[in-house]
Amino acid sequence: MAPTKAPDSSRRSDRSRRAIHDAALALVTEVGYRRTTIEGIAARAGVGKQTIYRWWPSKAAVLMDAFLDLAGRAAEDAGAGSGGTGEPAPGIPDTGDLAADLKLVLRATVDELNDPALEAPTRALTAEGIVDAKLGAEFVHKLLDPQLALYVTRLRAAQEAGDVRADVDPRIALELLIGPLMHRWLLRTLPLTHAYADEIVDYAVGGLAPRA
């Protein structure tokens, strides 16, 4: 008789973590952040409440981990779709046309912000990060800074090509692109569209271009 194979605890833990991540994201989307609870996440994931507390100290930490996992999967899917390798996309394209490259990326950002699966957890983490300094710093460090670094790289390349003034600080310049987009998204007073993203780029690039 063949020996019984011991259960793979690491695989079981991975399945539990993924179930908890999915449950947290689903609940935040369905009922909102305030009405989402550890108990609700545990029930939805089919795990005990103590299992969650063993890995995370709060529901905010669960949601942060879940969102980072979701963002990682989205990047892998984008890489597989663009090159078939499964690697993350290399960043902002550099076709030599700065405005066109930035419009492409900002349009994709608009689509992400309007995606119901991403909108609710993004809003929840943004709001919670304002009152929870530690969570806010983690959100910026793990999620925002790597994305903003791509803009810095592209703008510096544009400076080297002579398309952006040499005295422009890329870190401040990128805020001309991201700031208006996030402002409209947060207030929800006007629709967030591709046309609006294009206008932001036209206004910003016009101000960044070398003066005659």
N, C-alpha and C. Protein backbone atom coordinates (compact mmCIF):
# COMPACT_ATOMS: atom_id res chain seq x y z
N MET A 1 0.85 -1.19 0.00
CA MET A 1 0.00 0.00 0.00
C MET A 1 0.89 1.25 0.00
N ALA A 2 0.60 2.17 -0.94
CA ALA A 2 1.43 3.38 -1.06
C ALA A 2 1.22 4.27 0.16
N PRO A 3 2.28 4.91 0.63
CA PRO A 3 2.15 5.80 1.78
C PRO A 3 1.27 7.01 1.45
N THR A 4 0.53 7.45 2.44
CA THR A 4 -0.34 8.61 2.25
C THR A 4 0.50 9.88 2.18
N LYS A 5 0.26 10.68 1.14
CA LYS A 5 1.03 11.90 0.96
C LYS A 5 0.55 12.97 1.93
N ALA A 6 1.48 13.60 2.61
CA ALA A 6 1.12 14.65 3.56
C ALA A 6 0.56 15.85 2.82
N PRO A 7 -0.45 16.51 3.37
CA PRO A 7 -1.02 17.70 2.73
C PRO A 7 0.01 18.82 2.62
N ASP A 8 -0.03 19.55 1.53
CA ASP A 8 0.89 20.66 1.30
C ASP A 8 0.35 21.90 2.01
N SER A 9 0.92 22.22 3.18
CA SER A 9 0.41 23.33 3.97
C SER A 9 0.63 24.67 3.28
N SER A 10 1.75 24.80 2.54
CA SER A 10 2.02 26.07 1.86
C SER A 10 0.99 26.33 0.76
N ARG A 11 0.62 25.26 0.04
CA ARG A 11 -0.39 25.42 -1.01
C ARG A 11 -1.74 25.76 -0.39
N ARG A 12 -2.05 25.13 0.74
CA ARG A 12 -3.31 25.41 1.42
C ARG A 12 -3.33 26.86 1.90
N SER A 13 -2.19 27.35 2.41
CA SER A 13 -2.11 28.73 2.85
C SER A 13 -2.28 29.70 1.69
N ASP A 14 -1.68 29.37 0.55
CA ASP A 14 -1.82 30.23 -0.64
C ASP A 14 -3.28 30.31 -1.07
N ARG A 15 -3.97 29.16 -1.04
CA ARG A 15 -5.39 29.16 -1.42
C ARG A 15 -6.20 30.00 -0.44
N SER A 16 -5.90 29.88 0.83
CA SER A 16 -6.62 30.65 1.83
C SER A 16 -6.37 32.14 1.67
N ARG A 17 -5.12 32.51 1.42
CA ARG A 17 -4.80 33.92 1.22
C ARG A 17 -5.53 34.48 0.00
N ARG A 18 -5.53 33.73 -1.08
CA ARG A 18 -6.22 34.20 -2.29
C ARG A 18 -7.71 34.33 -2.04
N ALA A 19 -8.29 33.38 -1.31
CA ALA A 19 -9.72 33.44 -0.99
C ALA A 19 -10.02 34.67 -0.13
N ILE A 20 -9.13 34.98 0.81
CA ILE A 20 -9.32 36.15 1.67
C ILE A 20 -9.18 37.43 0.86
N HIS A 21 -8.17 37.48 -0.01
CA HIS A 21 -8.00 38.64 -0.88
C HIS A 21 -9.27 38.88 -1.72
N ASP A 22 -9.73 37.83 -2.37
CA ASP A 22 -10.91 37.95 -3.24
C ASP A 22 -12.14 38.37 -2.44
N ALA A 23 -12.27 37.83 -1.24
CA ALA A 23 -13.42 38.17 -0.40
C ALA A 23 -13.37 39.64 0.02
N ALA A 24 -12.20 40.12 0.40
CA ALA A 24 -12.06 41.51 0.82
C ALA A 24 -12.39 42.46 -0.32
N LEU A 25 -11.86 42.19 -1.50
CA LEU A 25 -12.13 43.05 -2.65
C LEU A 25 -13.60 43.02 -3.04
N ALA A 26 -14.19 41.84 -2.99
CA ALA A 26 -15.61 41.72 -3.37
C ALA A 26 -16.50 42.47 -2.39
N LEU A 27 -16.23 42.33 -1.10
CA LEU A 27 -17.07 42.97 -0.10
C LEU A 27 -16.95 44.49 -0.16
N VAL A 28 -15.75 45.00 -0.33
CA VAL A 28 -15.58 46.45 -0.43
C VAL A 28 -16.34 46.99 -1.63
N THR A 29 -16.32 46.25 -2.72
CA THR A 29 -17.04 46.68 -3.92
C THR A 29 -18.55 46.63 -3.70
N GLU A 30 -19.02 45.60 -3.00
CA GLU A 30 -20.46 45.40 -2.84
C GLU A 30 -21.09 46.27 -1.74
N VAL A 31 -20.42 46.38 -0.60
CA VAL A 31 -21.06 47.06 0.54
C VAL A 31 -20.28 48.28 1.03
N GLY A 32 -19.10 48.54 0.46
CA GLY A 32 -18.30 49.67 0.89
C GLY A 32 -17.32 49.31 1.99
N TYR A 33 -16.35 50.19 2.19
CA TYR A 33 -15.28 49.90 3.16
C TYR A 33 -15.80 49.87 4.58
N ARG A 34 -16.63 50.82 4.95
CA ARG A 34 -17.08 50.91 6.34
C ARG A 34 -17.88 49.68 6.77
N ARG A 35 -18.66 49.12 5.86
CA ARG A 35 -19.50 47.97 6.22
C ARG A 35 -18.77 46.65 6.03
N THR A 36 -17.57 46.70 5.49
CA THR A 36 -16.75 45.49 5.38
C THR A 36 -16.09 45.21 6.73
N THR A 37 -16.18 43.97 7.20
CA THR A 37 -15.60 43.60 8.49
C THR A 37 -14.72 42.37 8.33
N ILE A 38 -13.87 42.16 9.31
CA ILE A 38 -13.05 40.95 9.33
C ILE A 38 -13.95 39.72 9.35
N GLU A 39 -15.03 39.78 10.15
CA GLU A 39 -15.95 38.66 10.23
C GLU A 39 -16.58 38.36 8.87
N GLY A 40 -16.95 39.44 8.17
CA GLY A 40 -17.55 39.26 6.86
C GLY A 40 -16.57 38.68 5.85
N ILE A 41 -15.33 39.16 5.90
CA ILE A 41 -14.31 38.64 5.00
C ILE A 41 -14.06 37.15 5.27
N ALA A 42 -13.98 36.80 6.56
CA ALA A 42 -13.74 35.40 6.93
C ALA A 42 -14.87 34.51 6.45
N ALA A 43 -16.11 34.96 6.64
CA ALA A 43 -17.27 34.16 6.22
C ALA A 43 -17.27 34.00 4.71
N ARG A 44 -16.98 35.08 4.00
CA ARG A 44 -16.98 35.03 2.54
C ARG A 44 -15.88 34.12 2.01
N ALA A 45 -14.73 34.14 2.69
CA ALA A 45 -13.58 33.34 2.24
C ALA A 45 -13.65 31.89 2.71
N GLY A 46 -14.54 31.62 3.67
CA GLY A 46 -14.64 30.26 4.19
C GLY A 46 -13.49 29.90 5.12
N VAL A 47 -13.01 30.90 5.88
CA VAL A 47 -11.92 30.64 6.83
C VAL A 47 -12.34 31.17 8.20
N GLY A 48 -11.58 30.82 9.22
CA GLY A 48 -11.84 31.33 10.54
C GLY A 48 -11.30 32.74 10.71
N LYS A 49 -11.94 33.51 11.56
CA LYS A 49 -11.50 34.89 11.80
C LYS A 49 -10.05 34.94 12.28
N GLN A 50 -9.67 33.97 13.11
CA GLN A 50 -8.31 33.95 13.64
C GLN A 50 -7.27 33.72 12.54
N THR A 51 -7.68 33.06 11.47
CA THR A 51 -6.76 32.87 10.35
C THR A 51 -6.36 34.21 9.76
N ILE A 52 -7.34 35.10 9.64
CA ILE A 52 -7.05 36.43 9.11
C ILE A 52 -6.17 37.21 10.06
N TYR A 53 -6.51 37.19 11.35
CA TYR A 53 -5.71 37.95 12.33
C TYR A 53 -4.29 37.39 12.48
N ARG A 54 -4.10 36.14 12.10
CA ARG A 54 -2.75 35.57 12.16
C ARG A 54 -1.84 36.21 11.11
N TRP A 55 -2.42 36.66 10.00
CA TRP A 55 -1.64 37.22 8.91
C TRP A 55 -1.72 38.74 8.80
N TRP A 56 -2.83 39.33 9.24
CA TRP A 56 -3.02 40.78 9.10
C TRP A 56 -3.56 41.38 10.40
N PRO A 57 -3.13 42.59 10.74
CA PRO A 57 -3.60 43.20 12.00
C PRO A 57 -4.95 43.90 11.89
N SER A 58 -5.41 44.19 10.65
CA SER A 58 -6.64 44.95 10.48
C SER A 58 -7.23 44.70 9.10
N LYS A 59 -8.47 45.15 8.92
CA LYS A 59 -9.09 44.99 7.60
C LYS A 59 -8.40 45.89 6.57
N ALA A 60 -7.86 47.03 7.02
CA ALA A 60 -7.12 47.89 6.10
C ALA A 60 -5.88 47.17 5.55
N ALA A 61 -5.21 46.43 6.41
CA ALA A 61 -4.02 45.69 5.98
C ALA A 61 -4.41 44.56 5.03
N VAL A 62 -5.55 43.92 5.29
CA VAL A 62 -6.04 42.87 4.38
C VAL A 62 -6.30 43.47 3.01
N LEU A 63 -6.99 44.61 3.00
CA LEU A 63 -7.34 45.24 1.72
C LEU A 63 -6.10 45.71 0.98
N MET A 64 -5.12 46.24 1.69
CA MET A 64 -3.88 46.66 1.06
C MET A 64 -3.20 45.48 0.38
N ASP A 65 -3.07 44.39 1.09
CA ASP A 65 -2.44 43.19 0.54
C ASP A 65 -3.22 42.67 -0.66
N ALA A 66 -4.54 42.67 -0.53
CA ALA A 66 -5.40 42.18 -1.62
C ALA A 66 -5.25 43.06 -2.85
N PHE A 67 -5.18 44.37 -2.65
CA PHE A 67 -5.08 45.28 -3.78
C PHE A 67 -3.73 45.17 -4.47
N LEU A 68 -2.66 45.02 -3.68
CA LEU A 68 -1.34 44.83 -4.27
C LEU A 68 -1.29 43.54 -5.09
N ASP A 69 -1.94 42.49 -4.57
CA ASP A 69 -2.00 41.23 -5.30
C ASP A 69 -2.77 41.40 -6.60
N LEU A 70 -3.90 42.13 -6.53
CA LEU A 70 -4.69 42.38 -7.73
C LEU A 70 -3.91 43.18 -8.75
N ALA A 71 -3.19 44.21 -8.29
CA ALA A 71 -2.39 45.03 -9.20
C ALA A 71 -1.28 44.20 -9.84
N GLY A 72 -0.68 43.29 -9.05
CA GLY A 72 0.36 42.43 -9.60
C GLY A 72 -0.16 41.50 -10.66
N ARG A 73 -1.36 40.95 -10.42
CA ARG A 73 -1.96 40.07 -11.42
C ARG A 73 -2.32 40.83 -12.69
N ALA A 74 -2.80 42.07 -12.52
CA ALA A 74 -3.15 42.89 -13.68
C ALA A 74 -1.91 43.20 -14.51
N ALA A 75 -0.78 43.47 -13.83
CA ALA A 75 0.47 43.74 -14.55
C ALA A 75 0.95 42.51 -15.30
N GLU A 76 0.80 41.34 -14.68
CA GLU A 76 1.20 40.10 -15.35
C GLU A 76 0.33 39.85 -16.59
N ASP A 77 -0.97 40.11 -16.46
CA ASP A 77 -1.87 39.93 -17.59
C ASP A 77 -1.53 40.89 -18.71
N ALA A 78 -1.17 42.14 -18.35
CA ALA A 78 -0.81 43.12 -19.35
C ALA A 78 0.47 42.71 -20.07
N GLY A 79 1.43 42.17 -19.30
CA GLY A 79 2.67 41.72 -19.91
C GLY A 79 2.45 40.54 -20.84
N ALA A 80 1.59 39.62 -20.42
CA ALA A 80 1.30 38.45 -21.27
C ALA A 80 0.58 38.88 -22.53
N GLY A 81 -0.29 39.87 -22.41
CA GLY A 81 -1.04 40.32 -23.57
C GLY A 81 -0.20 41.08 -24.55
N SER A 82 0.80 41.83 -24.05
CA SER A 82 1.59 42.67 -24.94
C SER A 82 2.76 41.93 -25.55
N GLY A 83 3.34 40.99 -24.80
CA GLY A 83 4.51 40.34 -25.34
C GLY A 83 4.47 38.83 -25.28
N GLY A 84 3.47 38.29 -24.57
CA GLY A 84 3.34 36.85 -24.49
C GLY A 84 4.30 36.20 -23.54
N THR A 85 5.05 37.01 -22.77
CA THR A 85 6.06 36.44 -21.88
C THR A 85 5.58 36.30 -20.46
N GLY A 86 4.47 37.00 -20.13
CA GLY A 86 4.01 36.98 -18.76
C GLY A 86 4.74 37.97 -17.88
N GLU A 87 5.70 38.71 -18.45
CA GLU A 87 6.43 39.71 -17.67
C GLU A 87 5.63 41.00 -17.63
N PRO A 88 5.79 41.82 -16.57
CA PRO A 88 5.08 43.08 -16.51
C PRO A 88 5.46 43.99 -17.67
N ALA A 89 4.52 44.86 -18.06
CA ALA A 89 4.81 45.82 -19.11
C ALA A 89 6.01 46.67 -18.69
N PRO A 90 6.87 47.09 -19.65
CA PRO A 90 8.11 47.77 -19.30
C PRO A 90 7.93 49.18 -18.80
N GLY A 91 6.74 49.74 -18.85
CA GLY A 91 6.53 51.10 -18.39
C GLY A 91 5.91 51.95 -19.48
N ILE A 92 6.13 53.27 -19.37
CA ILE A 92 5.57 54.19 -20.37
C ILE A 92 6.36 54.04 -21.66
N PRO A 93 5.69 53.87 -22.78
CA PRO A 93 6.41 53.69 -24.05
C PRO A 93 7.18 54.95 -24.42
N ASP A 94 8.21 54.78 -25.21
CA ASP A 94 8.99 55.91 -25.71
C ASP A 94 9.08 55.79 -27.22
N THR A 95 8.07 56.37 -27.88
CA THR A 95 8.02 56.32 -29.34
C THR A 95 8.69 57.53 -29.97
N GLY A 96 9.13 58.47 -29.11
CA GLY A 96 9.67 59.72 -29.62
C GLY A 96 8.64 60.83 -29.63
N ASP A 97 7.37 60.48 -29.41
CA ASP A 97 6.28 61.45 -29.34
C ASP A 97 5.77 61.47 -27.91
N LEU A 98 6.25 62.44 -27.12
CA LEU A 98 5.94 62.48 -25.69
C LEU A 98 4.44 62.59 -25.45
N ALA A 99 3.77 63.47 -26.16
CA ALA A 99 2.34 63.66 -25.94
C ALA A 99 1.56 62.39 -26.21
N ALA A 100 1.88 61.71 -27.31
CA ALA A 100 1.17 60.48 -27.65
C ALA A 100 1.41 59.39 -26.61
N ASP A 101 2.64 59.30 -26.12
CA ASP A 101 2.97 58.28 -25.11
C ASP A 101 2.22 58.55 -23.81
N LEU A 102 2.18 59.81 -23.39
CA LEU A 102 1.50 60.15 -22.15
C LEU A 102 -0.01 59.97 -22.27
N LYS A 103 -0.56 60.29 -23.43
CA LYS A 103 -2.00 60.09 -23.63
C LYS A 103 -2.36 58.62 -23.54
N LEU A 104 -1.52 57.76 -24.09
CA LEU A 104 -1.77 56.33 -24.04
C LEU A 104 -1.84 55.84 -22.59
N VAL A 105 -0.89 56.31 -21.77
CA VAL A 105 -0.84 55.86 -20.38
C VAL A 105 -1.98 56.47 -19.56
N LEU A 106 -2.27 57.75 -19.76
CA LEU A 106 -3.34 58.38 -18.99
C LEU A 106 -4.70 57.81 -19.37
N ARG A 107 -4.89 57.45 -20.62
CA ARG A 107 -6.15 56.79 -21.02
C ARG A 107 -6.29 55.45 -20.30
N ALA A 108 -5.19 54.71 -20.20
CA ALA A 108 -5.23 53.42 -19.48
C ALA A 108 -5.53 53.65 -18.00
N THR A 109 -5.00 54.74 -17.44
CA THR A 109 -5.28 55.08 -16.04
C THR A 109 -6.75 55.41 -15.86
N VAL A 110 -7.32 56.14 -16.79
CA VAL A 110 -8.76 56.45 -16.74
C VAL A 110 -9.57 55.15 -16.73
N ASP A 111 -9.20 54.21 -17.58
CA ASP A 111 -9.92 52.93 -17.63
C ASP A 111 -9.82 52.19 -16.30
N GLU A 112 -8.66 52.23 -15.67
CA GLU A 112 -8.48 51.55 -14.38
C GLU A 112 -9.32 52.23 -13.29
N LEU A 113 -9.30 53.55 -13.27
CA LEU A 113 -10.05 54.27 -12.24
C LEU A 113 -11.56 54.10 -12.41
N ASN A 114 -12.00 53.86 -13.63
CA ASN A 114 -13.42 53.65 -13.90
C ASN A 114 -13.84 52.19 -13.80
N ASP A 115 -12.88 51.31 -13.60
CA ASP A 115 -13.17 49.87 -13.49
C ASP A 115 -13.77 49.58 -12.11
N PRO A 116 -15.01 49.09 -12.04
CA PRO A 116 -15.64 48.84 -10.73
C PRO A 116 -14.83 47.93 -9.82
N ALA A 117 -14.08 46.98 -10.41
CA ALA A 117 -13.30 46.06 -9.59
C ALA A 117 -12.14 46.76 -8.89
N LEU A 118 -11.66 47.86 -9.46
CA LEU A 118 -10.53 48.59 -8.90
C LEU A 118 -10.95 49.85 -8.16
N GLU A 119 -12.06 50.45 -8.59
CA GLU A 119 -12.45 51.75 -8.06
C GLU A 119 -12.72 51.71 -6.55
N ALA A 120 -13.54 50.76 -6.11
CA ALA A 120 -13.92 50.71 -4.70
C ALA A 120 -12.72 50.50 -3.78
N PRO A 121 -11.85 49.50 -4.03
CA PRO A 121 -10.70 49.35 -3.13
C PRO A 121 -9.72 50.51 -3.21
N THR A 122 -9.59 51.13 -4.40
CA THR A 122 -8.69 52.28 -4.51
C THR A 122 -9.22 53.45 -3.68
N ARG A 123 -10.51 53.70 -3.77
CA ARG A 123 -11.10 54.79 -2.97
C ARG A 123 -10.97 54.49 -1.48
N ALA A 124 -11.20 53.24 -1.11
CA ALA A 124 -11.12 52.87 0.31
C ALA A 124 -9.72 53.08 0.86
N LEU A 125 -8.72 52.64 0.11
CA LEU A 125 -7.34 52.78 0.58
C LEU A 125 -6.91 54.25 0.57
N THR A 126 -7.37 55.01 -0.42
CA THR A 126 -7.04 56.43 -0.47
C THR A 126 -7.61 57.16 0.73
N ALA A 127 -8.88 56.89 1.04
CA ALA A 127 -9.54 57.55 2.17
C ALA A 127 -8.93 57.11 3.50
N GLU A 128 -8.71 55.82 3.66
CA GLU A 128 -8.17 55.31 4.92
C GLU A 128 -6.74 55.79 5.13
N GLY A 129 -6.00 55.95 4.03
CA GLY A 129 -4.62 56.41 4.14
C GLY A 129 -4.49 57.84 4.64
N ILE A 130 -5.58 58.61 4.51
CA ILE A 130 -5.56 59.99 5.00
C ILE A 130 -5.59 60.01 6.53
N VAL A 131 -6.34 59.10 7.13
CA VAL A 131 -6.46 59.09 8.60
C VAL A 131 -5.48 58.12 9.26
N ASP A 132 -4.96 57.18 8.49
CA ASP A 132 -3.99 56.21 9.00
C ASP A 132 -2.66 56.46 8.32
N ALA A 133 -1.78 57.22 8.98
CA ALA A 133 -0.53 57.64 8.36
C ALA A 133 0.34 56.46 7.93
N LYS A 134 0.36 55.41 8.73
CA LYS A 134 1.18 54.24 8.40
C LYS A 134 0.66 53.55 7.14
N LEU A 135 -0.67 53.38 7.05
CA LEU A 135 -1.25 52.77 5.87
C LEU A 135 -1.04 53.65 4.65
N GLY A 136 -1.21 54.97 4.85
CA GLY A 136 -1.00 55.90 3.74
C GLY A 136 0.41 55.83 3.19
N ALA A 137 1.40 55.76 4.08
CA ALA A 137 2.79 55.68 3.66
C ALA A 137 3.05 54.37 2.91
N GLU A 138 2.45 53.28 3.38
CA GLU A 138 2.62 51.99 2.73
C GLU A 138 1.98 52.00 1.34
N PHE A 139 0.81 52.64 1.24
CA PHE A 139 0.11 52.75 -0.04
C PHE A 139 0.97 53.51 -1.05
N VAL A 140 1.58 54.60 -0.60
CA VAL A 140 2.43 55.40 -1.48
C VAL A 140 3.69 54.62 -1.86
N HIS A 141 4.33 54.01 -0.86
CA HIS A 141 5.60 53.33 -1.09
C HIS A 141 5.45 52.11 -2.00
N LYS A 142 4.43 51.31 -1.74
CA LYS A 142 4.31 50.04 -2.46
C LYS A 142 3.56 50.15 -3.79
N LEU A 143 2.67 51.13 -3.89
CA LEU A 143 1.82 51.18 -5.08
C LEU A 143 2.07 52.42 -5.93
N LEU A 144 2.04 53.60 -5.32
CA LEU A 144 2.11 54.83 -6.10
C LEU A 144 3.52 55.14 -6.59
N ASP A 145 4.51 55.07 -5.70
CA ASP A 145 5.87 55.45 -6.08
C ASP A 145 6.42 54.66 -7.28
N PRO A 146 6.23 53.33 -7.34
CA PRO A 146 6.73 52.60 -8.51
C PRO A 146 6.08 53.07 -9.82
N GLN A 147 4.80 53.44 -9.76
CA GLN A 147 4.12 53.92 -10.95
C GLN A 147 4.60 55.32 -11.34
N LEU A 148 4.77 56.19 -10.33
CA LEU A 148 5.22 57.54 -10.62
C LEU A 148 6.65 57.56 -11.15
N ALA A 149 7.45 56.59 -10.72
CA ALA A 149 8.83 56.52 -11.21
C ALA A 149 8.88 56.31 -12.72
N LEU A 150 7.87 55.67 -13.28
CA LEU A 150 7.82 55.46 -14.73
C LEU A 150 7.66 56.79 -15.46
N TYR A 151 6.86 57.69 -14.88
CA TYR A 151 6.70 59.02 -15.48
C TYR A 151 8.01 59.80 -15.43
N VAL A 152 8.71 59.71 -14.29
CA VAL A 152 9.98 60.40 -14.16
C VAL A 152 10.96 59.93 -15.22
N THR A 153 11.03 58.63 -15.42
CA THR A 153 11.94 58.07 -16.42
C THR A 153 11.61 58.58 -17.82
N ARG A 154 10.32 58.58 -18.16
CA ARG A 154 9.91 59.03 -19.51
C ARG A 154 10.17 60.52 -19.69
N LEU A 155 9.89 61.32 -18.68
CA LEU A 155 10.11 62.77 -18.79
C LEU A 155 11.59 63.11 -18.88
N ARG A 156 12.42 62.35 -18.17
CA ARG A 156 13.87 62.59 -18.27
C ARG A 156 14.38 62.24 -19.67
N ALA A 157 13.83 61.18 -20.25
CA ALA A 157 14.20 60.83 -21.61
C ALA A 157 13.78 61.94 -22.57
N ALA A 158 12.62 62.55 -22.32
CA ALA A 158 12.16 63.66 -23.15
C ALA A 158 13.07 64.87 -22.99
N GLN A 159 13.58 65.09 -21.78
CA GLN A 159 14.53 66.18 -21.56
C GLN A 159 15.80 65.95 -22.38
N GLU A 160 16.30 64.71 -22.35
CA GLU A 160 17.52 64.40 -23.10
C GLU A 160 17.31 64.55 -24.59
N ALA A 161 16.06 64.32 -25.04
CA ALA A 161 15.75 64.46 -26.46
C ALA A 161 15.45 65.90 -26.85
N GLY A 162 15.40 66.81 -25.87
CA GLY A 162 15.12 68.20 -26.15
C GLY A 162 13.65 68.54 -26.25
N ASP A 163 12.78 67.62 -25.83
CA ASP A 163 11.34 67.85 -25.91
C ASP A 163 10.77 68.49 -24.65
N VAL A 164 11.56 68.50 -23.57
CA VAL A 164 11.15 69.11 -22.31
C VAL A 164 12.30 70.00 -21.85
N ARG A 165 11.95 71.17 -21.29
CA ARG A 165 12.98 72.10 -20.83
C ARG A 165 13.91 71.44 -19.81
N ALA A 166 15.17 71.81 -19.87
CA ALA A 166 16.17 71.22 -18.98
C ALA A 166 15.95 71.61 -17.53
N ASP A 167 15.27 72.75 -17.28
CA ASP A 167 15.09 73.20 -15.91
C ASP A 167 13.84 72.64 -15.25
N VAL A 168 13.11 71.78 -15.96
CA VAL A 168 11.88 71.19 -15.42
C VAL A 168 12.22 70.04 -14.48
N ASP A 169 11.59 70.03 -13.31
CA ASP A 169 11.74 68.92 -12.36
C ASP A 169 10.71 67.85 -12.74
N PRO A 170 11.14 66.67 -13.23
CA PRO A 170 10.19 65.64 -13.66
C PRO A 170 9.21 65.22 -12.57
N ARG A 171 9.66 65.23 -11.32
CA ARG A 171 8.78 64.79 -10.22
C ARG A 171 7.63 65.77 -10.02
N ILE A 172 7.89 67.05 -10.24
CA ILE A 172 6.81 68.04 -10.16
C ILE A 172 5.98 68.01 -11.43
N ALA A 173 6.64 67.84 -12.56
CA ALA A 173 5.94 67.83 -13.84
C ALA A 173 4.90 66.71 -13.92
N LEU A 174 5.22 65.55 -13.37
CA LEU A 174 4.27 64.44 -13.45
C LEU A 174 2.99 64.75 -12.68
N GLU A 175 3.10 65.63 -11.66
CA GLU A 175 1.92 65.99 -10.90
C GLU A 175 0.95 66.82 -11.73
N LEU A 176 1.45 67.50 -12.77
CA LEU A 176 0.57 68.22 -13.69
C LEU A 176 -0.31 67.25 -14.47
N LEU A 177 0.17 66.02 -14.61
CA LEU A 177 -0.58 64.99 -15.33
C LEU A 177 -1.50 64.20 -14.42
N ILE A 178 -0.96 63.74 -13.30
CA ILE A 178 -1.71 62.88 -12.39
C ILE A 178 -2.68 63.67 -11.52
N GLY A 179 -2.25 64.86 -11.07
CA GLY A 179 -3.06 65.64 -10.13
C GLY A 179 -4.48 65.93 -10.63
N PRO A 180 -4.64 66.52 -11.82
CA PRO A 180 -6.00 66.81 -12.31
C PRO A 180 -6.85 65.56 -12.48
N LEU A 181 -6.23 64.49 -12.91
CA LEU A 181 -6.96 63.24 -13.11
C LEU A 181 -7.52 62.73 -11.78
N MET A 182 -6.67 62.71 -10.76
CA MET A 182 -7.11 62.22 -9.46
C MET A 182 -8.10 63.18 -8.81
N HIS A 183 -7.94 64.47 -9.04
CA HIS A 183 -8.86 65.46 -8.48
C HIS A 183 -10.28 65.22 -9.00
N ARG A 184 -10.40 65.04 -10.31
CA ARG A 184 -11.73 64.80 -10.89
C ARG A 184 -12.28 63.46 -10.43
N TRP A 185 -11.42 62.46 -10.32
CA TRP A 185 -11.87 61.13 -9.89
C TRP A 185 -12.36 61.14 -8.45
N LEU A 186 -11.65 61.86 -7.59
CA LEU A 186 -12.03 61.91 -6.18
C LEU A 186 -13.34 62.66 -5.98
N LEU A 187 -13.53 63.77 -6.68
CA LEU A 187 -14.72 64.59 -6.47
C LEU A 187 -15.96 64.02 -7.15
N ARG A 188 -15.76 63.30 -8.26
CA ARG A 188 -16.87 62.67 -8.99
C ARG A 188 -17.91 63.69 -9.46
N THR A 189 -17.50 64.91 -9.68
CA THR A 189 -18.44 65.94 -10.15
C THR A 189 -18.57 65.93 -11.67
N LEU A 190 -17.53 65.50 -12.35
CA LEU A 190 -17.52 65.46 -13.81
C LEU A 190 -16.99 64.10 -14.27
N PRO A 191 -17.40 63.63 -15.44
CA PRO A 191 -16.95 62.31 -15.90
C PRO A 191 -15.45 62.27 -16.18
N LEU A 192 -14.87 61.14 -15.91
CA LEU A 192 -13.45 60.90 -16.18
C LEU A 192 -13.36 60.17 -17.52
N THR A 193 -12.86 60.86 -18.54
CA THR A 193 -12.90 60.34 -19.90
C THR A 193 -11.52 60.38 -20.57
N HIS A 194 -11.42 59.67 -21.69
CA HIS A 194 -10.19 59.73 -22.48
C HIS A 194 -9.96 61.13 -23.01
N ALA A 195 -11.03 61.81 -23.40
CA ALA A 195 -10.89 63.16 -23.94
C ALA A 195 -10.29 64.10 -22.90
N TYR A 196 -10.72 63.95 -21.65
CA TYR A 196 -10.17 64.77 -20.58
C TYR A 196 -8.69 64.46 -20.37
N ALA A 197 -8.33 63.19 -20.40
CA ALA A 197 -6.93 62.79 -20.26
C ALA A 197 -6.08 63.42 -21.36
N ASP A 198 -6.59 63.42 -22.59
CA ASP A 198 -5.86 64.01 -23.72
C ASP A 198 -5.64 65.51 -23.51
N GLU A 199 -6.67 66.18 -22.99
CA GLU A 199 -6.55 67.62 -22.76
C GLU A 199 -5.50 67.92 -21.70
N ILE A 200 -5.47 67.11 -20.64
CA ILE A 200 -4.46 67.30 -19.60
C ILE A 200 -3.06 67.23 -20.21
N VAL A 201 -2.84 66.22 -21.04
CA VAL A 201 -1.53 66.05 -21.66
C VAL A 201 -1.20 67.25 -22.55
N ASP A 202 -2.15 67.69 -23.35
CA ASP A 202 -1.90 68.83 -24.24
C ASP A 202 -1.52 70.08 -23.45
N TYR A 203 -2.24 70.35 -22.36
CA TYR A 203 -1.95 71.52 -21.54
C TYR A 203 -0.58 71.39 -20.87
N ALA A 204 -0.32 70.22 -20.32
CA ALA A 204 0.93 70.02 -19.59
C ALA A 204 2.13 70.06 -20.51
N VAL A 205 2.07 69.31 -21.60
CA VAL A 205 3.22 69.25 -22.52
C VAL A 205 3.49 70.62 -23.13
N GLY A 206 2.41 71.38 -23.40
CA GLY A 206 2.62 72.73 -23.93
C GLY A 206 3.40 73.61 -22.97
N GLY A 207 3.17 73.43 -21.67
CA GLY A 207 3.90 74.21 -20.67
C GLY A 207 5.30 73.72 -20.41
N LEU A 208 5.56 72.43 -20.72
CA LEU A 208 6.87 71.84 -20.46
C LEU A 208 7.83 72.01 -21.63
N ALA A 209 7.28 72.32 -22.81
CA ALA A 209 8.10 72.38 -24.01
C ALA A 209 9.09 73.54 -23.93
N PRO A 210 10.25 73.38 -24.60
CA PRO A 210 11.23 74.48 -24.61
C PRO A 210 10.64 75.76 -25.18
N ARG A 211 11.02 76.89 -24.61
CA ARG A 211 10.52 78.19 -25.07
C ARG A 211 11.37 78.66 -26.26
N ALA A 212 10.73 79.37 -27.14
CA ALA A 212 11.45 79.89 -28.31
C ALA A 212 12.44 80.96 -27.85
